[in-house]
């Protein structure tokens, strides 16, 4: 950064050694000299180009973080209190986490047991699951099946079905869906009938609309308080972020 400041200072002096530096009012001769000075200095100090790129990248990242925070604030009610998404952990917890999840996503599967551990180990976590099937027809089937399970049999059965769907590696045809339901002692006929209901469709459509408004294009995507975490976050890093945001 000091080298960049020195660079721009040198340019200012080169552009007009007598008069105040005014790039908009240079003569053609001064403008040509200025351009030559810039070119020669960069050729002699090519590492400055890398420094400029790094500064621009840092600024881009800062801008993206702020943009994501603005989105979280704008859609806070839909994220944290939509009235239909399942809430795991402590419903009155002080640490709000939202996960946009797709059961066919490899990184969602990797994150799932770690997220459950975080919930179990921190009684202040309020975890909101947003069904967000974006990886094809089987993703949609899985989400419909999970939502139908929750609507018919409640949150405990929903979480058990989440575990089953995350672990299941086969095709989600009717035979296998019935097996998943029967393994949890749930009424497979009722779930299969409910999964095509208007209510299930409305929930998925609402989550998709929210995701589109927030430019969420991949899963998992986490919202941790005001921070948006796009992609898988290792458990240790997640725990550290929770600690920092909660002031522990």
C-alpha atoms as a PDB file:
ATOM      1  CA  UNK A   1       0.000   0.000   0.000  1.00  0.00           C
ATOM      2  CA  UNK A   2       2.860   2.422   0.784  1.00  0.00           C
ATOM      3  CA  UNK A   3       4.381   1.678  -2.622  1.00  0.00           C
ATOM      4  CA  UNK A   4       1.089   2.520  -4.298  1.00  0.00           C
ATOM      5  CA  UNK A   5       0.866   5.839  -2.463  1.00  0.00           C
ATOM      6  CA  UNK A   6       4.428   6.625  -3.488  1.00  0.00           C
ATOM      7  CA  UNK A   7       3.579   5.711  -7.054  1.00  0.00           C
ATOM      8  CA  UNK A   8       0.647   8.096  -7.271  1.00  0.00           C
ATOM      9  CA  UNK A   9       2.687  10.844  -5.617  1.00  0.00           C
ATOM     10  CA  UNK A  10       5.392  10.411  -8.219  1.00  0.00           C
ATOM     11  CA  UNK A  11       2.809  10.561 -10.985  1.00  0.00           C
ATOM     12  CA  UNK A  12       1.427  13.807  -9.632  1.00  0.00           C
ATOM     13  CA  UNK A  13       4.853  15.387  -9.604  1.00  0.00           C
ATOM     14  CA  UNK A  14       5.702  14.119 -13.072  1.00  0.00           C
ATOM     15  CA  UNK A  15       2.478  15.388 -14.543  1.00  0.00           C
ATOM     16  CA  UNK A  16       3.071  18.980 -13.530  1.00  0.00           C
ATOM     17  CA  UNK A  17       6.264  19.847 -11.708  1.00  0.00           C
ATOM     18  CA  UNK A  18       5.392  23.514 -11.367  1.00  0.00           C
ATOM     19  CA  UNK A  19       1.617  23.858 -11.305  1.00  0.00           C
ATOM     20  CA  UNK A  20      -0.879  22.039  -9.079  1.00  0.00           C
ATOM     21  CA  UNK A  21      -1.685  18.568 -10.380  1.00  0.00           C
ATOM     22  CA  UNK A  22      -4.824  18.744 -12.537  1.00  0.00           C
ATOM     23  CA  UNK A  23      -5.208  15.755 -14.837  1.00  0.00           C
ATOM     24  CA  UNK A  24      -8.275  17.221 -16.549  1.00  0.00           C
ATOM     25  CA  UNK A  25      -6.474  20.366 -17.734  1.00  0.00           C
ATOM     26  CA  UNK A  26      -3.150  19.025 -19.005  1.00  0.00           C
ATOM     27  CA  UNK A  27      -1.874  20.082 -22.386  1.00  0.00           C
ATOM     28  CA  UNK A  28      -1.314  17.447 -25.051  1.00  0.00           C
ATOM     29  CA  UNK A  29       2.390  17.538 -24.281  1.00  0.00           C
ATOM     30  CA  UNK A  30       1.811  17.140 -20.552  1.00  0.00           C
ATOM     31  CA  UNK A  31      -0.691  14.338 -21.158  1.00  0.00           C
ATOM     32  CA  UNK A  32       1.781  12.465 -23.345  1.00  0.00           C
ATOM     33  CA  UNK A  33       4.534  12.900 -20.759  1.00  0.00           C
ATOM     34  CA  UNK A  34       2.187  11.695 -18.043  1.00  0.00           C
ATOM     35  CA  UNK A  35       1.279   8.562 -20.019  1.00  0.00           C
ATOM     36  CA  UNK A  36       4.935   7.804 -20.716  1.00  0.00           C
ATOM     37  CA  UNK A  37       5.759   8.267 -17.040  1.00  0.00           C
ATOM     38  CA  UNK A  38       3.026   5.837 -15.981  1.00  0.00           C
ATOM     39  CA  UNK A  39       4.080   3.238 -18.537  1.00  0.00           C
ATOM     40  CA  UNK A  40       7.771   3.468 -17.711  1.00  0.00           C
ATOM     41  CA  UNK A  41       7.192   3.340 -13.974  1.00  0.00           C
ATOM     42  CA  UNK A  42       5.009   0.225 -14.267  1.00  0.00           C
ATOM     43  CA  UNK A  43       7.515  -1.473 -16.574  1.00  0.00           C
ATOM     44  CA  UNK A  44      10.227  -0.798 -14.003  1.00  0.00           C
ATOM     45  CA  UNK A  45       7.980  -1.893 -11.092  1.00  0.00           C
ATOM     46  CA  UNK A  46       5.641  -4.638 -12.449  1.00  0.00           C
ATOM     47  CA  UNK A  47       4.882  -5.869  -8.923  1.00  0.00           C
ATOM     48  CA  UNK A  48       2.758  -2.742  -8.494  1.00  0.00           C
ATOM     49  CA  UNK A  49       0.210  -4.184 -10.914  1.00  0.00           C
ATOM     50  CA  UNK A  50      -0.226  -7.167  -8.611  1.00  0.00           C
ATOM     51  CA  UNK A  51      -0.656  -4.824  -5.644  1.00  0.00           C
ATOM     52  CA  UNK A  52      -3.327  -2.870  -7.493  1.00  0.00           C
ATOM     53  CA  UNK A  53      -5.179  -6.083  -8.366  1.00  0.00           C
ATOM     54  CA  UNK A  54      -5.011  -7.197  -4.731  1.00  0.00           C
ATOM     55  CA  UNK A  55      -6.396  -3.888  -3.506  1.00  0.00           C
ATOM     56  CA  UNK A  56      -9.230  -4.048  -6.027  1.00  0.00           C
ATOM     57  CA  UNK A  57     -10.024  -7.638  -5.038  1.00  0.00           C
ATOM     58  CA  UNK A  58     -10.094  -6.710  -1.349  1.00  0.00           C
ATOM     59  CA  UNK A  59     -12.479  -3.857  -2.112  1.00  0.00           C
ATOM     60  CA  UNK A  60     -14.666  -6.160  -4.202  1.00  0.00           C
ATOM     61  CA  UNK A  61     -14.908  -8.610  -1.301  1.00  0.00           C
ATOM     62  CA  UNK A  62     -15.795  -5.811   1.116  1.00  0.00           C
ATOM     63  CA  UNK A  63     -18.494  -4.597  -1.278  1.00  0.00           C
ATOM     64  CA  UNK A  64     -19.928  -8.115  -1.650  1.00  0.00           C
ATOM     65  CA  UNK A  65     -20.092  -8.631   2.118  1.00  0.00           C
ATOM     66  CA  UNK A  66     -21.919  -5.332   2.564  1.00  0.00           C
ATOM     67  CA  UNK A  67     -24.287  -6.146  -0.300  1.00  0.00           C
ATOM     68  CA  UNK A  68     -25.111  -9.498   1.313  1.00  0.00           C
ATOM     69  CA  UNK A  69     -25.728  -7.813   4.672  1.00  0.00           C
ATOM     70  CA  UNK A  70     -28.094  -5.377   2.999  1.00  0.00           C
ATOM     71  CA  UNK A  71     -29.993  -8.309   1.466  1.00  0.00           C
ATOM     72  CA  UNK A  72     -30.264 -10.082   4.829  1.00  0.00           C
ATOM     73  CA  UNK A  73     -31.627  -6.937   6.453  1.00  0.00           C
ATOM     74  CA  UNK A  74     -34.088  -6.354   3.616  1.00  0.00           C
ATOM     75  CA  UNK A  75     -35.504  -9.894   3.776  1.00  0.00           C
ATOM     76  CA  UNK A  76     -35.073 -10.606   7.507  1.00  0.00           C
ATOM     77  CA  UNK A  77     -38.726 -11.478   8.128  1.00  0.00           C
ATOM     78  CA  UNK A  78     -38.829 -13.965   5.247  1.00  0.00           C
ATOM     79  CA  UNK A  79     -35.564 -15.508   6.384  1.00  0.00           C
ATOM     80  CA  UNK A  80     -36.076 -15.844  10.114  1.00  0.00           C
ATOM     81  CA  UNK A  81     -39.857 -15.779  10.650  1.00  0.00           C
ATOM     82  CA  UNK A  82     -41.683 -16.903   7.504  1.00  0.00           C
ATOM     83  CA  UNK A  83     -44.240 -18.907   9.465  1.00  0.00           C
ATOM     84  CA  UNK A  84     -43.657 -22.246   7.741  1.00  0.00           C
ATOM     85  CA  UNK A  85     -39.964 -23.226   7.743  1.00  0.00           C
ATOM     86  CA  UNK A  86     -38.911 -25.739  10.386  1.00  0.00           C
ATOM     87  CA  UNK A  87     -37.029 -24.344  13.376  1.00  0.00           C
ATOM     88  CA  UNK A  88     -34.563 -26.687  15.069  1.00  0.00           C
ATOM     89  CA  UNK A  89     -32.607 -26.101  18.242  1.00  0.00           C
ATOM     90  CA  UNK A  90     -33.886 -23.417  20.604  1.00  0.00           C
ATOM     91  CA  UNK A  91     -36.898 -21.544  19.129  1.00  0.00           C
ATOM     92  CA  UNK A  92     -36.067 -18.663  21.486  1.00  0.00           C
ATOM     93  CA  UNK A  93     -32.314 -18.802  20.934  1.00  0.00           C
ATOM     94  CA  UNK A  94     -30.234 -15.667  20.513  1.00  0.00           C
ATOM     95  CA  UNK A  95     -28.175 -16.953  17.559  1.00  0.00           C
ATOM     96  CA  UNK A  96     -30.188 -17.098  14.340  1.00  0.00           C
ATOM     97  CA  UNK A  97     -28.987 -19.400  11.557  1.00  0.00           C
ATOM     98  CA  UNK A  98     -30.767 -20.130   8.289  1.00  0.00           C
ATOM     99  CA  UNK A  99     -29.739 -22.859   5.862  1.00  0.00           C
ATOM    100  CA  UNK A 100     -30.894 -23.098   2.255  1.00  0.00           C
ATOM    101  CA  UNK A 101     -30.615 -26.828   1.673  1.00  0.00           C
ATOM    102  CA  UNK A 102     -30.844 -29.334  -1.193  1.00  0.00           C
ATOM    103  CA  UNK A 103     -30.802 -33.045  -0.266  1.00  0.00           C
ATOM    104  CA  UNK A 104     -28.933 -34.022  -3.452  1.00  0.00           C
ATOM    105  CA  UNK A 105     -26.129 -31.545  -2.788  1.00  0.00           C
ATOM    106  CA  UNK A 106     -22.877 -33.197  -1.726  1.00  0.00           C
ATOM    107  CA  UNK A 107     -21.777 -30.255   0.406  1.00  0.00           C
ATOM    108  CA  UNK A 108     -25.186 -30.099   2.109  1.00  0.00           C
ATOM    109  CA  UNK A 109     -24.695 -33.751   3.015  1.00  0.00           C
ATOM    110  CA  UNK A 110     -21.239 -32.996   4.336  1.00  0.00           C
ATOM    111  CA  UNK A 111     -22.504 -30.056   6.395  1.00  0.00           C
ATOM    112  CA  UNK A 112     -25.622 -31.772   7.756  1.00  0.00           C
ATOM    113  CA  UNK A 113     -24.103 -33.789  10.658  1.00  0.00           C
ATOM    114  CA  UNK A 114     -21.841 -30.873  11.576  1.00  0.00           C
ATOM    115  CA  UNK A 115     -24.778 -28.468  11.719  1.00  0.00           C
ATOM    116  CA  UNK A 116     -26.644 -30.898  13.953  1.00  0.00           C
ATOM    117  CA  UNK A 117     -23.633 -31.064  16.256  1.00  0.00           C
ATOM    118  CA  UNK A 118     -23.501 -27.267  16.425  1.00  0.00           C
ATOM    119  CA  UNK A 119     -27.180 -27.170  17.374  1.00  0.00           C
ATOM    120  CA  UNK A 120     -26.690 -29.843  20.045  1.00  0.00           C
ATOM    121  CA  UNK A 121     -23.624 -28.142  21.517  1.00  0.00           C
ATOM    122  CA  UNK A 122     -24.998 -24.592  21.626  1.00  0.00           C
ATOM    123  CA  UNK A 123     -28.371 -24.113  23.303  1.00  0.00           C
ATOM    124  CA  UNK A 124     -28.632 -20.551  21.952  1.00  0.00           C
ATOM    125  CA  UNK A 125     -28.801 -21.631  18.301  1.00  0.00           C
ATOM    126  CA  UNK A 126     -32.115 -21.118  16.541  1.00  0.00           C
ATOM    127  CA  UNK A 127     -31.822 -23.030  13.249  1.00  0.00           C
ATOM    128  CA  UNK A 128     -34.199 -22.347  10.339  1.00  0.00           C
ATOM    129  CA  UNK A 129     -34.245 -24.826   7.447  1.00  0.00           C
ATOM    130  CA  UNK A 130     -35.254 -23.496   4.027  1.00  0.00           C
ATOM    131  CA  UNK A 131     -36.020 -26.204   1.473  1.00  0.00           C
ATOM    132  CA  UNK A 132     -34.261 -25.061  -1.704  1.00  0.00           C
ATOM    133  CA  UNK A 133     -34.237 -27.793  -4.379  1.00  0.00           C
ATOM    134  CA  UNK A 134     -32.161 -26.533  -7.303  1.00  0.00           C
ATOM    135  CA  UNK A 135     -30.272 -29.617  -8.511  1.00  0.00           C
ATOM    136  CA  UNK A 136     -32.910 -31.329 -10.603  1.00  0.00           C
ATOM    137  CA  UNK A 137     -36.094 -33.319 -10.326  1.00  0.00           C
ATOM    138  CA  UNK A 138     -34.900 -35.641  -7.553  1.00  0.00           C
ATOM    139  CA  UNK A 139     -34.039 -32.590  -5.459  1.00  0.00           C
ATOM    140  CA  UNK A 140     -37.632 -31.414  -5.859  1.00  0.00           C
ATOM    141  CA  UNK A 141     -38.990 -34.852  -4.975  1.00  0.00           C
ATOM    142  CA  UNK A 142     -36.840 -34.996  -1.849  1.00  0.00           C
ATOM    143  CA  UNK A 143     -37.938 -31.549  -0.685  1.00  0.00           C
ATOM    144  CA  UNK A 144     -41.588 -32.300  -1.347  1.00  0.00           C
ATOM    145  CA  UNK A 145     -41.306 -35.544   0.617  1.00  0.00           C
ATOM    146  CA  UNK A 146     -39.600 -33.803   3.549  1.00  0.00           C
ATOM    147  CA  UNK A 147     -42.067 -30.909   3.644  1.00  0.00           C
ATOM    148  CA  UNK A 148     -45.039 -33.284   3.417  1.00  0.00           C
ATOM    149  CA  UNK A 149     -43.598 -35.280   6.324  1.00  0.00           C
ATOM    150  CA  UNK A 150     -43.339 -32.132   8.445  1.00  0.00           C
ATOM    151  CA  UNK A 151     -46.839 -30.945   7.558  1.00  0.00           C
ATOM    152  CA  UNK A 152     -48.391 -34.283   8.475  1.00  0.00           C
ATOM    153  CA  UNK A 153     -46.254 -35.515  11.367  1.00  0.00           C
ATOM    154  CA  UNK A 154     -44.404 -32.530  12.822  1.00  0.00           C
ATOM    155  CA  UNK A 155     -40.866 -31.325  13.350  1.00  0.00           C
ATOM    156  CA  UNK A 156     -39.394 -34.403  14.996  1.00  0.00           C
ATOM    157  CA  UNK A 157     -40.412 -36.621  12.088  1.00  0.00           C
ATOM    158  CA  UNK A 158     -39.190 -33.960   9.672  1.00  0.00           C
ATOM    159  CA  UNK A 159     -35.720 -33.951  11.216  1.00  0.00           C
ATOM    160  CA  UNK A 160     -35.625 -37.751  11.092  1.00  0.00           C
ATOM    161  CA  UNK A 161     -36.624 -37.631   7.424  1.00  0.00           C
ATOM    162  CA  UNK A 162     -33.927 -35.030   6.773  1.00  0.00           C
ATOM    163  CA  UNK A 163     -31.351 -37.454   8.185  1.00  0.00           C
ATOM    164  CA  UNK A 164     -32.716 -40.270   6.029  1.00  0.00           C
ATOM    165  CA  UNK A 165     -32.771 -38.223   2.819  1.00  0.00           C
ATOM    166  CA  UNK A 166     -29.257 -36.893   3.406  1.00  0.00           C
ATOM    167  CA  UNK A 167     -27.939 -40.414   3.875  1.00  0.00           C
ATOM    168  CA  UNK A 168     -29.887 -42.006   1.014  1.00  0.00           C
ATOM    169  CA  UNK A 169     -27.933 -42.526  -2.185  1.00  0.00           C
ATOM    170  CA  UNK A 170     -30.415 -44.282  -4.433  1.00  0.00           C
ATOM    171  CA  UNK A 171     -33.120 -43.138  -6.806  1.00  0.00           C
ATOM    172  CA  UNK A 172     -36.082 -41.401  -5.186  1.00  0.00           C
ATOM    173  CA  UNK A 173     -38.749 -43.460  -6.896  1.00  0.00           C
ATOM    174  CA  UNK A 174     -42.027 -44.393  -5.239  1.00  0.00           C
ATOM    175  CA  UNK A 175     -40.737 -47.732  -3.937  1.00  0.00           C
ATOM    176  CA  UNK A 176     -37.770 -46.136  -2.196  1.00  0.00           C
ATOM    177  CA  UNK A 177     -39.834 -43.246  -0.833  1.00  0.00           C
ATOM    178  CA  UNK A 178     -42.206 -45.747   0.754  1.00  0.00           C
ATOM    179  CA  UNK A 179     -39.248 -47.573   2.261  1.00  0.00           C
ATOM    180  CA  UNK A 180     -37.917 -44.349   3.763  1.00  0.00           C
ATOM    181  CA  UNK A 181     -41.302 -43.581   5.307  1.00  0.00           C
ATOM    182  CA  UNK A 182     -41.834 -47.115   6.591  1.00  0.00           C
ATOM    183  CA  UNK A 183     -38.379 -47.157   8.176  1.00  0.00           C
ATOM    184  CA  UNK A 184     -39.529 -44.220  10.315  1.00  0.00           C
ATOM    185  CA  UNK A 185     -42.938 -45.785  11.022  1.00  0.00           C
ATOM    186  CA  UNK A 186     -44.689 -43.070   9.019  1.00  0.00           C
ATOM    187  CA  UNK A 187     -47.741 -43.404   6.782  1.00  0.00           C
ATOM    188  CA  UNK A 188     -46.254 -43.635   3.295  1.00  0.00           C
ATOM    189  CA  UNK A 189     -49.616 -43.273   1.500  1.00  0.00           C
ATOM    190  CA  UNK A 190     -50.362 -40.044   3.359  1.00  0.00           C
ATOM    191  CA  UNK A 191     -46.944 -38.526   2.635  1.00  0.00           C
ATOM    192  CA  UNK A 192     -47.080 -39.447  -1.064  1.00  0.00           C
ATOM    193  CA  UNK A 193     -50.509 -37.853  -1.347  1.00  0.00           C
ATOM    194  CA  UNK A 194     -49.490 -34.691   0.527  1.00  0.00           C
ATOM    195  CA  UNK A 195     -46.229 -34.101  -1.322  1.00  0.00           C
ATOM    196  CA  UNK A 196     -48.080 -32.930  -4.455  1.00  0.00           C
ATOM    197  CA  UNK A 197     -50.379 -30.591  -2.530  1.00  0.00           C
ATOM    198  CA  UNK A 198     -50.742 -26.884  -3.174  1.00  0.00           C
ATOM    199  CA  UNK A 199     -49.342 -26.102   0.276  1.00  0.00           C
ATOM    200  CA  UNK A 200     -46.101 -27.957  -0.443  1.00  0.00           C
ATOM    201  CA  UNK A 201     -45.740 -26.262  -3.823  1.00  0.00           C
ATOM    202  CA  UNK A 202     -46.333 -22.846  -2.288  1.00  0.00           C
ATOM    203  CA  UNK A 203     -43.569 -23.369   0.266  1.00  0.00           C
ATOM    204  CA  UNK A 204     -41.027 -24.412  -2.354  1.00  0.00           C
ATOM    205  CA  UNK A 205     -42.033 -21.531  -4.625  1.00  0.00           C
ATOM    206  CA  UNK A 206     -41.730 -19.042  -1.764  1.00  0.00           C
ATOM    207  CA  UNK A 207     -38.228 -20.277  -0.935  1.00  0.00           C
ATOM    208  CA  UNK A 208     -37.188 -20.122  -4.576  1.00  0.00           C
ATOM    209  CA  UNK A 209     -38.512 -16.574  -4.921  1.00  0.00           C
ATOM    210  CA  UNK A 210     -36.622 -15.530  -1.785  1.00  0.00           C
ATOM    211  CA  UNK A 211     -33.447 -17.203  -3.010  1.00  0.00           C
ATOM    212  CA  UNK A 212     -33.691 -15.457  -6.355  1.00  0.00           C
ATOM    213  CA  UNK A 213     -34.164 -12.082  -4.681  1.00  0.00           C
ATOM    214  CA  UNK A 214     -31.073 -12.733  -2.574  1.00  0.00           C
ATOM    215  CA  UNK A 215     -28.992 -14.045  -5.512  1.00  0.00           C
ATOM    216  CA  UNK A 216     -28.612 -17.469  -3.900  1.00  0.00           C
ATOM    217  CA  UNK A 217     -27.434 -19.782  -6.666  1.00  0.00           C
ATOM    218  CA  UNK A 218     -25.912 -22.644  -4.695  1.00  0.00           C
ATOM    219  CA  UNK A 219     -26.343 -24.813  -1.635  1.00  0.00           C
ATOM    220  CA  UNK A 220     -25.678 -24.874   1.159  1.00  0.00           C
ATOM    221  CA  UNK A 221     -26.085 -21.164   1.761  1.00  0.00           C
ATOM    222  CA  UNK A 222     -26.151 -20.088   5.389  1.00  0.00           C
ATOM    223  CA  UNK A 223     -27.372 -16.888   6.984  1.00  0.00           C
ATOM    224  CA  UNK A 224     -25.670 -16.374  10.331  1.00  0.00           C
ATOM    225  CA  UNK A 225     -27.252 -13.340  11.953  1.00  0.00           C
ATOM    226  CA  UNK A 226     -26.439 -10.626   9.366  1.00  0.00           C
ATOM    227  CA  UNK A 227     -23.745 -12.583   7.528  1.00  0.00           C
ATOM    228  CA  UNK A 228     -24.363 -14.627   4.379  1.00  0.00           C
ATOM    229  CA  UNK A 229     -22.073 -17.642   3.988  1.00  0.00           C
ATOM    230  CA  UNK A 230     -22.237 -18.943   0.444  1.00  0.00           C
ATOM    231  CA  UNK A 231     -21.110 -22.561   0.445  1.00  0.00           C
ATOM    232  CA  UNK A 232     -19.873 -25.192   2.866  1.00  0.00           C
ATOM    233  CA  UNK A 233     -18.271 -23.881   6.061  1.00  0.00           C
ATOM    234  CA  UNK A 234     -16.217 -26.321   8.200  1.00  0.00           C
ATOM    235  CA  UNK A 235     -17.570 -26.830  11.695  1.00  0.00           C
ATOM    236  CA  UNK A 236     -14.609 -25.238  13.494  1.00  0.00           C
ATOM    237  CA  UNK A 237     -14.915 -22.078  11.395  1.00  0.00           C
ATOM    238  CA  UNK A 238     -18.681 -21.997  11.906  1.00  0.00           C
ATOM    239  CA  UNK A 239     -18.310 -22.283  15.678  1.00  0.00           C
ATOM    240  CA  UNK A 240     -15.739 -19.476  15.650  1.00  0.00           C
ATOM    241  CA  UNK A 241     -18.086 -17.229  13.657  1.00  0.00           C
ATOM    242  CA  UNK A 242     -20.926 -17.925  16.107  1.00  0.00           C
ATOM    243  CA  UNK A 243     -18.628 -17.064  18.998  1.00  0.00           C
ATOM    244  CA  UNK A 244     -17.538 -13.802  17.378  1.00  0.00           C
ATOM    245  CA  UNK A 245     -21.059 -12.714  16.492  1.00  0.00           C
ATOM    246  CA  UNK A 246     -22.452 -13.578  19.909  1.00  0.00           C
ATOM    247  CA  UNK A 247     -19.621 -11.739  21.676  1.00  0.00           C
ATOM    248  CA  UNK A 248     -18.342 -14.756  23.555  1.00  0.00           C
END
